[in-house]
Protein backbone atom coordinates (compact mmCIF):
# COMPACT_ATOMS: atom_id res chain seq x y z
CA ILE A 1 6.42 10.11 2.13
CA TYR A 2 5.89 8.62 5.51
CA THR A 3 3.35 7.74 8.16
CA VAL A 4 2.67 9.88 11.24
CA ARG A 5 0.48 8.76 14.11
CA ILE A 6 -1.10 11.39 16.33
CA ASN A 7 -3.74 10.43 18.86
CA ASN A 8 -4.28 6.97 17.32
CA GLN A 9 -4.84 8.65 13.85
CA GLU A 10 -2.34 7.56 11.12
CA ASP A 11 -1.90 9.89 8.04
CA LEU A 12 0.56 10.18 5.30
CA TYR A 13 3.03 13.09 5.30
CA ILE A 14 5.39 14.32 2.60
CA SER A 15 8.69 16.12 2.97
CA ARG A 16 10.67 17.50 0.08
CA LYS A 17 14.38 18.24 0.05
CA LYS A 18 15.36 21.84 -0.70
CA ASP A 19 18.96 23.08 -0.95
CA GLY A 20 20.13 19.78 0.45
CA GLU A 21 17.91 19.79 3.51
CA TRP A 22 14.59 18.01 4.31
CA GLN A 23 11.74 20.45 4.81
CA LYS A 24 9.04 19.98 7.51
CA GLY A 25 6.65 17.30 6.63
CA MET A 26 3.16 18.28 5.75
CA PRO A 27 0.05 15.93 5.59
CA ILE A 28 -1.06 14.93 2.07
CA ALA A 29 -4.48 16.48 2.38
CA ASP A 30 -5.92 14.91 -0.79
CA VAL A 31 -5.00 11.44 0.23
CA ASN A 32 -5.71 11.40 3.95
CA THR A 33 -9.13 10.60 5.39
CA GLU A 34 -10.66 9.97 8.80
CA ARG A 35 -9.30 6.48 8.46
CA ASN A 36 -5.75 5.24 9.09
CA GLU A 37 -3.45 5.39 6.16
CA GLY A 38 -0.01 4.04 6.29
CA THR A 39 2.56 1.54 4.88
CA GLN A 40 2.97 3.28 1.63
CA GLN A 41 5.41 3.36 -1.32
CA ILE A 42 5.69 5.80 -4.22
CA SER A 43 6.54 4.63 -7.74
CA ALA A 44 9.89 5.41 -9.13
CA ASP A 45 8.42 8.06 -11.38
CA GLY A 46 6.82 9.67 -8.26
CA LYS A 47 3.30 9.59 -9.84
CA TYR A 48 1.70 6.53 -8.31
CA LEU A 49 1.26 5.97 -4.55
CA VAL A 50 0.22 2.67 -3.06
CA PHE A 51 -0.73 2.50 0.63
CA THR A 52 -2.79 0.75 3.20
CA MET A 53 -6.04 2.03 4.56
CA CYS A 54 -7.88 0.28 7.32
CA ASP A 55 -11.44 0.17 8.60
CA ASP A 56 -10.44 0.40 12.27
CA ASN A 57 -13.53 1.11 14.33
CA ASN A 58 -15.46 3.15 11.86
CA SER A 59 -19.00 2.14 11.16
CA ARG A 60 -18.93 2.49 7.30
CA PRO A 61 -16.72 -0.24 5.75
CA ILE A 62 -14.26 1.06 3.06
CA GLY A 63 -12.99 -2.23 1.60
CA LEU A 64 -13.18 -5.86 1.33
CA GLY A 65 -11.28 -6.70 4.53
CA SER A 66 -10.08 -5.02 7.72
CA CYS A 67 -7.19 -3.34 5.78
CA ASP A 68 -6.97 -2.98 1.99
CA ILE A 69 -4.50 -1.56 -0.52
CA PHE A 70 -5.41 1.76 -1.97
CA TYR A 71 -3.71 4.06 -4.57
CA ALA A 72 -3.57 7.67 -5.57
CA GLU A 73 -2.09 9.19 -8.73
CA LEU A 74 -0.25 12.57 -9.03
CA ARG A 75 -2.02 14.54 -11.76
CA ASN A 76 -1.14 18.19 -12.49
CA GLY A 77 0.68 18.43 -9.17
CA GLN A 78 -2.22 17.21 -7.11
CA TRP A 79 -3.00 13.79 -5.68
CA THR A 80 -6.25 12.05 -6.71
CA LYS A 81 -8.55 10.91 -4.10
CA PRO A 82 -7.74 7.44 -2.83
CA LYS A 83 -9.17 4.45 -4.69
CA ASN A 84 -9.32 0.89 -3.45
CA LEU A 85 -7.38 -1.44 -5.74
CA GLY A 86 -10.21 -3.84 -5.34
CA ALA A 87 -10.22 -7.56 -5.97
CA PRO A 88 -8.22 -9.67 -6.74
CA VAL A 89 -5.48 -7.78 -4.93
CA ASN A 90 -7.69 -7.03 -1.90
CA SER A 91 -9.63 -9.78 -0.30
CA THR A 92 -11.81 -10.25 2.75
CA ALA A 93 -8.60 -10.93 4.74
CA TRP A 94 -6.01 -8.41 5.89
CA ASP A 95 -4.08 -7.06 2.89
CA SER A 96 -1.50 -4.48 3.61
CA GLN A 97 2.27 -3.35 3.40
CA PRO A 98 2.46 -2.75 -0.52
CA SER A 99 5.73 -2.39 -2.40
CA ILE A 100 5.77 -1.57 -6.10
CA SER A 101 8.55 -2.57 -8.47
CA ALA A 102 10.46 0.19 -10.18
CA ASN A 103 8.78 -0.46 -13.54
CA GLY A 104 5.39 -0.31 -11.88
CA GLN A 105 4.42 -3.81 -13.15
CA ALA A 106 4.65 -5.89 -9.92
CA LEU A 107 2.99 -5.21 -6.66
CA TYR A 108 4.20 -7.06 -3.60
CA PHE A 109 2.24 -7.02 -0.39
CA THR A 110 1.49 -8.87 2.81
CA SER A 111 -1.78 -10.79 3.41
CA ASN A 112 -3.19 -13.41 5.77
CA ARG A 113 -5.57 -14.68 3.09
CA PRO A 114 -6.20 -18.43 2.63
CA GLY A 115 -3.47 -20.27 0.54
CA GLY A 116 -0.43 -19.17 2.56
CA PHE A 117 2.08 -20.99 4.56
CA GLY A 118 1.65 -19.15 7.88
CA GLY A 119 -0.02 -16.31 9.65
CA SER A 120 0.78 -13.78 6.97
CA ASP A 121 2.68 -14.29 3.77
CA ILE A 122 4.10 -12.13 0.95
CA TRP A 123 2.17 -12.13 -2.27
CA VAL A 124 2.82 -10.57 -5.77
CA SER A 125 0.31 -9.29 -8.29
CA TYR A 126 1.36 -8.33 -11.86
CA ARG A 127 -0.22 -5.51 -13.86
CA GLN A 128 -2.05 -6.75 -16.82
CA SER A 129 -2.05 -5.30 -20.27
CA ASP A 130 -5.37 -3.53 -19.56
CA GLY A 131 -3.88 -1.80 -16.52
CA ARG A 132 -5.64 -3.88 -13.83
CA TRP A 133 -3.78 -6.00 -11.34
CA GLY A 134 -3.87 -9.80 -11.87
CA LYS A 135 -4.62 -12.64 -9.35
CA PRO A 136 -2.01 -12.48 -6.55
CA VAL A 137 0.54 -15.27 -6.34
CA ASN A 138 2.00 -16.49 -2.98
CA LEU A 139 5.92 -16.21 -3.27
CA GLY A 140 6.31 -19.73 -1.94
CA GLU A 141 8.14 -21.45 0.79
CA ASN A 142 11.47 -20.12 -0.27
CA ILE A 143 10.21 -16.61 0.91
CA ASN A 144 7.34 -17.47 3.26
CA THR A 145 7.37 -19.37 6.52
CA VAL A 146 4.98 -20.72 9.09
CA GLY A 147 5.28 -17.43 10.94
CA ASN A 148 4.24 -13.97 9.96
CA ASP A 149 6.18 -12.74 6.92
CA GLN A 150 5.64 -9.07 6.41
CA SER A 151 6.89 -5.74 5.13
CA PRO A 152 8.26 -6.54 1.66
CA PHE A 153 10.41 -3.94 0.08
CA ILE A 154 11.48 -4.09 -3.53
CA HIS A 155 14.43 -2.01 -4.24
CA PRO A 156 14.64 -0.42 -7.68
CA ASP A 157 17.80 -2.54 -8.62
């Protein structure tokens, strides 16, 4: 799964490997909207997709901030319509660039919300026993700097 930008419109595309070769990518129709979708990661089991969706210049707000983190689930071979993760993961700030742990219990992301060390920092939210995401925690000064820290990627190992 990757992001394609055509005429300032960003959408998520998927390509599958068949007989050792990657097939032509196709837009994920159930997930893409008239908004810009991007910066995505799929869970290790291939059933949970987290990604960023931004308001851009559309008149109808879709989230809490300029960009929010959304998710879709693969059910019976179809992706569900995108859903906003909501608070406390999303805030009135810019929340973007999600990366989910292999066990699906930790969600790392970038935000310029208050409480950080610089322009944007890397934060983590842990899945609670009821399935909701907990209050994000800043990863601290060993990870974050006074600059813009972005694009976390948590490898399965």
